[in-house]
Amino acid sequence: MRVILILAGLSASAGCNTPGPAFRGIDPVRISVGKSTFDVRVDGTRAQAIRLNPEWAPRREAVAPRAVAAIEKVSGCTAARLDGDQVVIVARLDCGDGPPPAPRAVNYTCRIDPYGGGYADLVCEPEL
């Protein structure tokens, strides 16, 4: 019975620093800021910080500044926008290049090609 309890405890703690789907396969950088320890993963203009250490009833407002400091230290960028809770925080990064360019508007010319039985194809081509 003791073995089962130990295995259950190990299984439950195994997922504590598992990244979200967008950050899988990225090696974390472990960093401590104040009394918090984070695994930080950076993927282009996004970063994820997972708090690893136990803290008694932390609020997001108390943990977020430490997570931001960890993300900014690891990424070298500014955390422009935050999302998440007191354990997993995801940040949108501003690395000094400014916002990405807006997509160029594209106009299309479309035609209907009937092929019988009341069915047709809608064929659209971008205007150059």
N, C-alpha and C. Protein backbone atom coordinates (compact mmCIF):
# COMPACT_ATOMS: atom_id res chain seq x y z
N MET A 1 0.82 -1.19 0.00
CA MET A 1 0.00 0.00 0.00
C MET A 1 0.87 1.25 0.00
N ARG A 2 1.97 1.21 0.74
CA ARG A 2 2.87 2.36 0.82
C ARG A 2 3.47 2.65 -0.56
N VAL A 3 3.80 1.61 -1.30
CA VAL A 3 4.37 1.78 -2.64
C VAL A 3 3.36 2.45 -3.56
N ILE A 4 2.12 2.06 -3.47
CA ILE A 4 1.08 2.66 -4.30
C ILE A 4 0.94 4.15 -3.99
N LEU A 5 0.96 4.52 -2.72
CA LEU A 5 0.86 5.93 -2.35
C LEU A 5 2.06 6.72 -2.84
N ILE A 6 3.25 6.14 -2.75
CA ILE A 6 4.45 6.83 -3.24
C ILE A 6 4.37 7.02 -4.75
N LEU A 7 3.96 5.98 -5.48
CA LEU A 7 3.83 6.10 -6.93
C LEU A 7 2.77 7.11 -7.32
N ALA A 8 1.68 7.16 -6.60
CA ALA A 8 0.62 8.14 -6.87
C ALA A 8 1.14 9.55 -6.65
N GLY A 9 1.90 9.74 -5.57
CA GLY A 9 2.47 11.06 -5.31
C GLY A 9 3.47 11.48 -6.36
N LEU A 10 4.30 10.57 -6.82
CA LEU A 10 5.26 10.88 -7.87
C LEU A 10 4.56 11.19 -9.19
N SER A 11 3.51 10.45 -9.49
CA SER A 11 2.75 10.70 -10.72
C SER A 11 2.10 12.07 -10.69
N ALA A 12 1.55 12.45 -9.55
CA ALA A 12 0.88 13.74 -9.43
C ALA A 12 1.86 14.89 -9.54
N SER A 13 3.08 14.71 -9.04
CA SER A 13 4.05 15.81 -9.09
C SER A 13 4.81 15.85 -10.41
N ALA A 14 4.69 14.85 -11.24
CA ALA A 14 5.44 14.81 -12.50
C ALA A 14 5.00 15.89 -13.47
N GLY A 15 3.76 16.34 -13.41
CA GLY A 15 3.26 17.32 -14.35
C GLY A 15 3.37 18.75 -13.87
N CYS A 16 4.07 19.00 -12.79
CA CYS A 16 4.11 20.33 -12.20
C CYS A 16 4.78 21.37 -13.07
N ASN A 17 5.73 20.99 -13.89
CA ASN A 17 6.37 21.99 -14.75
C ASN A 17 6.25 21.61 -16.22
N THR A 18 5.17 20.93 -16.56
CA THR A 18 4.93 20.55 -17.95
C THR A 18 4.41 21.77 -18.71
N PRO A 19 5.07 22.13 -19.82
CA PRO A 19 4.63 23.32 -20.56
C PRO A 19 3.34 23.07 -21.32
N GLY A 20 2.71 24.18 -21.70
CA GLY A 20 1.52 24.09 -22.54
C GLY A 20 1.91 23.62 -23.93
N PRO A 21 0.93 23.27 -24.75
CA PRO A 21 1.21 22.74 -26.09
C PRO A 21 2.08 23.65 -26.94
N ALA A 22 1.92 24.95 -26.81
CA ALA A 22 2.70 25.88 -27.64
C ALA A 22 4.17 25.92 -27.26
N PHE A 23 4.52 25.44 -26.07
CA PHE A 23 5.90 25.53 -25.59
C PHE A 23 6.56 24.15 -25.42
N ARG A 24 5.90 23.10 -25.87
CA ARG A 24 6.49 21.76 -25.77
C ARG A 24 7.70 21.67 -26.69
N GLY A 25 8.71 20.96 -26.23
CA GLY A 25 9.93 20.79 -27.01
C GLY A 25 10.94 21.90 -26.82
N ILE A 26 10.61 22.93 -26.05
CA ILE A 26 11.54 24.02 -25.78
C ILE A 26 12.16 23.78 -24.41
N ASP A 27 13.48 23.74 -24.37
CA ASP A 27 14.17 23.52 -23.11
C ASP A 27 13.98 24.72 -22.19
N PRO A 28 13.63 24.49 -20.92
CA PRO A 28 13.41 25.60 -20.00
C PRO A 28 14.73 26.13 -19.44
N VAL A 29 14.68 27.38 -19.02
CA VAL A 29 15.77 27.99 -18.27
C VAL A 29 15.24 28.19 -16.85
N ARG A 30 15.88 27.60 -15.87
CA ARG A 30 15.44 27.72 -14.48
C ARG A 30 16.08 28.96 -13.88
N ILE A 31 15.24 29.80 -13.28
CA ILE A 31 15.71 31.06 -12.71
C ILE A 31 14.92 31.36 -11.45
N SER A 32 15.60 31.92 -10.45
CA SER A 32 14.94 32.33 -9.21
C SER A 32 14.93 33.85 -9.13
N VAL A 33 13.77 34.38 -8.76
CA VAL A 33 13.60 35.81 -8.55
C VAL A 33 12.88 35.96 -7.23
N GLY A 34 13.52 36.61 -6.28
CA GLY A 34 12.93 36.73 -4.95
C GLY A 34 12.73 35.35 -4.36
N LYS A 35 11.53 35.09 -3.87
CA LYS A 35 11.26 33.78 -3.28
C LYS A 35 10.60 32.80 -4.24
N SER A 36 10.59 33.13 -5.53
CA SER A 36 9.98 32.26 -6.54
C SER A 36 11.04 31.69 -7.47
N THR A 37 10.83 30.44 -7.89
CA THR A 37 11.67 29.79 -8.88
C THR A 37 10.80 29.42 -10.07
N PHE A 38 11.28 29.75 -11.27
CA PHE A 38 10.50 29.55 -12.48
C PHE A 38 11.28 28.73 -13.50
N ASP A 39 10.56 27.97 -14.32
CA ASP A 39 11.07 27.43 -15.56
C ASP A 39 10.52 28.34 -16.65
N VAL A 40 11.41 28.99 -17.39
CA VAL A 40 10.99 29.95 -18.42
C VAL A 40 11.32 29.35 -19.79
N ARG A 41 10.33 29.37 -20.67
CA ARG A 41 10.50 28.93 -22.06
C ARG A 41 10.15 30.09 -22.97
N VAL A 42 10.98 30.34 -23.96
CA VAL A 42 10.77 31.45 -24.88
C VAL A 42 10.61 30.88 -26.29
N ASP A 43 9.57 31.35 -26.99
CA ASP A 43 9.30 30.93 -28.35
C ASP A 43 8.96 32.16 -29.18
N GLY A 44 9.97 32.76 -29.78
CA GLY A 44 9.75 33.94 -30.62
C GLY A 44 9.29 35.12 -29.80
N THR A 45 8.05 35.54 -30.03
CA THR A 45 7.53 36.71 -29.33
C THR A 45 6.64 36.33 -28.15
N ARG A 46 6.74 35.09 -27.70
CA ARG A 46 5.98 34.64 -26.54
C ARG A 46 6.90 33.92 -25.56
N ALA A 47 6.54 34.00 -24.29
CA ALA A 47 7.31 33.30 -23.26
C ALA A 47 6.33 32.76 -22.22
N GLN A 48 6.75 31.67 -21.59
CA GLN A 48 5.93 31.05 -20.55
C GLN A 48 6.81 30.85 -19.31
N ALA A 49 6.32 31.28 -18.17
CA ALA A 49 7.02 31.06 -16.89
C ALA A 49 6.13 30.18 -16.02
N ILE A 50 6.69 29.06 -15.56
CA ILE A 50 5.97 28.16 -14.67
C ILE A 50 6.65 28.22 -13.31
N ARG A 51 5.89 28.64 -12.28
CA ARG A 51 6.45 28.71 -10.92
C ARG A 51 6.55 27.31 -10.36
N LEU A 52 7.73 26.97 -9.84
CA LEU A 52 7.99 25.61 -9.38
C LEU A 52 7.90 25.44 -7.88
N ASN A 53 8.16 26.48 -7.14
CA ASN A 53 8.24 26.33 -5.69
C ASN A 53 6.88 26.52 -5.03
N PRO A 54 6.68 25.85 -3.89
CA PRO A 54 5.42 26.05 -3.17
C PRO A 54 5.44 27.39 -2.43
N GLU A 55 4.33 28.07 -2.47
CA GLU A 55 4.14 29.30 -1.70
C GLU A 55 2.76 29.24 -1.09
N TRP A 56 2.62 29.75 0.10
CA TRP A 56 1.34 29.70 0.77
C TRP A 56 0.39 30.73 0.18
N ALA A 57 -0.66 30.29 -0.45
CA ALA A 57 -1.75 31.10 -1.00
C ALA A 57 -1.25 32.33 -1.76
N PRO A 58 -0.40 32.14 -2.78
CA PRO A 58 0.07 33.32 -3.52
C PRO A 58 -1.03 33.88 -4.40
N ARG A 59 -1.05 35.17 -4.53
CA ARG A 59 -1.97 35.83 -5.46
C ARG A 59 -1.20 36.14 -6.74
N ARG A 60 -1.91 36.21 -7.83
CA ARG A 60 -1.26 36.53 -9.10
C ARG A 60 -0.55 37.87 -9.03
N GLU A 61 -1.16 38.83 -8.34
CA GLU A 61 -0.58 40.16 -8.23
C GLU A 61 0.77 40.14 -7.51
N ALA A 62 0.97 39.16 -6.64
CA ALA A 62 2.24 39.06 -5.92
C ALA A 62 3.29 38.31 -6.73
N VAL A 63 2.87 37.33 -7.52
CA VAL A 63 3.80 36.49 -8.27
C VAL A 63 4.14 37.10 -9.62
N ALA A 64 3.21 37.81 -10.24
CA ALA A 64 3.40 38.32 -11.60
C ALA A 64 4.65 39.19 -11.76
N PRO A 65 4.97 40.12 -10.86
CA PRO A 65 6.18 40.92 -11.06
C PRO A 65 7.46 40.07 -11.07
N ARG A 66 7.48 39.02 -10.25
CA ARG A 66 8.65 38.13 -10.25
C ARG A 66 8.71 37.32 -11.54
N ALA A 67 7.56 36.88 -12.03
CA ALA A 67 7.52 36.14 -13.30
C ALA A 67 7.96 37.04 -14.45
N VAL A 68 7.52 38.29 -14.45
CA VAL A 68 7.93 39.24 -15.49
C VAL A 68 9.44 39.44 -15.45
N ALA A 69 9.99 39.60 -14.25
CA ALA A 69 11.44 39.77 -14.13
C ALA A 69 12.19 38.56 -14.66
N ALA A 70 11.69 37.36 -14.37
CA ALA A 70 12.32 36.12 -14.86
C ALA A 70 12.23 36.05 -16.38
N ILE A 71 11.07 36.33 -16.94
CA ILE A 71 10.88 36.28 -18.40
C ILE A 71 11.79 37.30 -19.08
N GLU A 72 11.84 38.52 -18.56
CA GLU A 72 12.65 39.55 -19.18
C GLU A 72 14.14 39.24 -19.09
N LYS A 73 14.56 38.64 -17.98
CA LYS A 73 15.97 38.26 -17.82
C LYS A 73 16.35 37.17 -18.82
N VAL A 74 15.51 36.17 -18.98
CA VAL A 74 15.81 35.05 -19.88
C VAL A 74 15.70 35.46 -21.34
N SER A 75 14.67 36.23 -21.69
CA SER A 75 14.41 36.54 -23.10
C SER A 75 15.20 37.75 -23.59
N GLY A 76 15.54 38.67 -22.70
CA GLY A 76 16.18 39.90 -23.13
C GLY A 76 15.19 40.90 -23.72
N CYS A 77 13.91 40.61 -23.61
CA CYS A 77 12.86 41.46 -24.16
C CYS A 77 11.97 41.97 -23.02
N THR A 78 11.07 42.87 -23.36
CA THR A 78 10.11 43.40 -22.41
C THR A 78 8.82 42.59 -22.50
N ALA A 79 8.27 42.24 -21.35
CA ALA A 79 6.97 41.55 -21.31
C ALA A 79 5.89 42.60 -21.52
N ALA A 80 5.28 42.61 -22.70
CA ALA A 80 4.32 43.64 -23.06
C ALA A 80 2.91 43.33 -22.58
N ARG A 81 2.57 42.05 -22.48
CA ARG A 81 1.22 41.66 -22.09
C ARG A 81 1.29 40.33 -21.36
N LEU A 82 0.51 40.19 -20.29
CA LEU A 82 0.52 38.96 -19.49
C LEU A 82 -0.84 38.29 -19.51
N ASP A 83 -0.79 36.96 -19.39
CA ASP A 83 -1.99 36.17 -19.24
C ASP A 83 -1.63 34.99 -18.35
N GLY A 84 -2.59 34.45 -17.63
CA GLY A 84 -2.33 33.28 -16.81
C GLY A 84 -2.74 33.48 -15.36
N ASP A 85 -2.19 32.62 -14.51
CA ASP A 85 -2.53 32.66 -13.09
C ASP A 85 -1.26 32.73 -12.27
N GLN A 86 -1.33 32.38 -10.98
CA GLN A 86 -0.18 32.50 -10.10
C GLN A 86 0.85 31.38 -10.31
N VAL A 87 0.55 30.39 -11.14
CA VAL A 87 1.49 29.30 -11.38
C VAL A 87 2.07 29.37 -12.80
N VAL A 88 1.23 29.56 -13.80
CA VAL A 88 1.67 29.61 -15.19
C VAL A 88 1.32 30.98 -15.76
N ILE A 89 2.35 31.71 -16.18
CA ILE A 89 2.14 33.03 -16.77
C ILE A 89 2.73 33.02 -18.17
N VAL A 90 1.94 33.47 -19.13
CA VAL A 90 2.37 33.58 -20.52
C VAL A 90 2.46 35.06 -20.85
N ALA A 91 3.57 35.45 -21.49
CA ALA A 91 3.78 36.86 -21.82
C ALA A 91 3.96 37.02 -23.32
N ARG A 92 3.42 38.11 -23.84
CA ARG A 92 3.71 38.54 -25.20
C ARG A 92 4.93 39.44 -25.08
N LEU A 93 5.96 39.21 -25.90
CA LEU A 93 7.22 39.93 -25.78
C LEU A 93 7.34 41.06 -26.79
N ASP A 94 7.97 42.15 -26.34
CA ASP A 94 8.32 43.26 -27.22
C ASP A 94 9.85 43.33 -27.20
N CYS A 95 10.46 42.95 -28.30
CA CYS A 95 11.92 42.89 -28.36
C CYS A 95 12.53 44.10 -29.05
N GLY A 96 11.79 45.20 -29.12
CA GLY A 96 12.33 46.43 -29.65
C GLY A 96 12.13 46.65 -31.13
N ASP A 97 11.61 45.67 -31.84
CA ASP A 97 11.38 45.83 -33.27
C ASP A 97 10.02 46.45 -33.53
N GLY A 98 9.28 46.74 -32.48
CA GLY A 98 7.94 47.27 -32.64
C GLY A 98 6.96 46.16 -32.95
N PRO A 99 5.71 46.51 -33.12
CA PRO A 99 4.71 45.47 -33.42
C PRO A 99 4.94 44.89 -34.81
N PRO A 100 4.53 43.66 -35.01
CA PRO A 100 4.68 43.09 -36.34
C PRO A 100 3.83 43.86 -37.34
N PRO A 101 4.24 43.90 -38.58
CA PRO A 101 3.48 44.65 -39.57
C PRO A 101 2.09 44.04 -39.75
N ALA A 102 1.14 44.93 -39.99
CA ALA A 102 -0.24 44.48 -40.23
C ALA A 102 -0.29 43.75 -41.56
N PRO A 103 -1.12 42.73 -41.66
CA PRO A 103 -1.24 42.04 -42.93
C PRO A 103 -1.75 42.98 -44.01
N ARG A 104 -1.22 42.83 -45.19
CA ARG A 104 -1.62 43.66 -46.32
C ARG A 104 -3.02 43.23 -46.78
N ALA A 105 -3.86 44.19 -47.02
CA ALA A 105 -5.21 43.90 -47.51
C ALA A 105 -5.11 43.32 -48.92
N VAL A 106 -5.89 42.29 -49.17
CA VAL A 106 -5.89 41.64 -50.47
C VAL A 106 -7.32 41.64 -51.00
N ASN A 107 -7.47 42.08 -52.24
CA ASN A 107 -8.77 42.02 -52.89
C ASN A 107 -8.80 40.81 -53.82
N TYR A 108 -9.96 40.20 -53.94
CA TYR A 108 -10.11 39.02 -54.77
C TYR A 108 -11.14 39.27 -55.86
N THR A 109 -10.92 38.65 -57.00
CA THR A 109 -11.91 38.62 -58.07
C THR A 109 -12.44 37.19 -58.12
N CYS A 110 -13.76 37.06 -58.03
CA CYS A 110 -14.35 35.73 -57.96
C CYS A 110 -15.33 35.51 -59.13
N ARG A 111 -15.46 34.24 -59.51
CA ARG A 111 -16.43 33.87 -60.54
C ARG A 111 -17.06 32.53 -60.14
N ILE A 112 -18.22 32.30 -60.67
CA ILE A 112 -18.92 31.04 -60.41
C ILE A 112 -18.81 30.17 -61.65
N ASP A 113 -18.30 28.96 -61.48
CA ASP A 113 -18.19 27.99 -62.58
C ASP A 113 -19.20 26.87 -62.33
N PRO A 114 -20.39 26.93 -62.99
CA PRO A 114 -21.36 25.84 -62.81
C PRO A 114 -20.88 24.57 -63.48
N TYR A 115 -21.18 23.45 -62.86
CA TYR A 115 -20.82 22.18 -63.50
C TYR A 115 -21.97 21.19 -63.51
N GLY A 116 -23.20 21.64 -63.34
CA GLY A 116 -24.37 20.79 -63.54
C GLY A 116 -25.02 20.34 -62.26
N GLY A 117 -26.29 19.99 -62.41
CA GLY A 117 -27.06 19.48 -61.28
C GLY A 117 -27.29 20.52 -60.19
N GLY A 118 -27.18 21.78 -60.54
CA GLY A 118 -27.37 22.84 -59.55
C GLY A 118 -26.14 23.12 -58.71
N TYR A 119 -25.04 22.48 -59.05
CA TYR A 119 -23.78 22.69 -58.31
C TYR A 119 -22.85 23.58 -59.09
N ALA A 120 -21.98 24.27 -58.34
CA ALA A 120 -21.01 25.15 -58.98
C ALA A 120 -19.79 25.30 -58.06
N ASP A 121 -18.70 25.71 -58.68
CA ASP A 121 -17.49 26.05 -57.92
C ASP A 121 -17.38 27.55 -57.86
N LEU A 122 -16.95 28.06 -56.73
CA LEU A 122 -16.64 29.47 -56.58
C LEU A 122 -15.13 29.55 -56.67
N VAL A 123 -14.64 30.23 -57.70
CA VAL A 123 -13.20 30.35 -57.94
C VAL A 123 -12.81 31.79 -57.70
N CYS A 124 -11.89 32.00 -56.76
CA CYS A 124 -11.42 33.35 -56.44
C CYS A 124 -9.91 33.43 -56.63
N GLU A 125 -9.47 34.56 -57.20
CA GLU A 125 -8.05 34.79 -57.43
C GLU A 125 -7.70 36.17 -56.90
N PRO A 126 -6.54 36.31 -56.27
CA PRO A 126 -6.14 37.63 -55.74
C PRO A 126 -5.85 38.60 -56.88
N GLU A 127 -6.23 39.85 -56.66
CA GLU A 127 -5.91 40.90 -57.62
C GLU A 127 -4.49 41.37 -57.34
N LEU A 128 -3.73 41.58 -58.38
CA LEU A 128 -2.34 42.03 -58.20
C LEU A 128 -2.21 43.51 -58.31
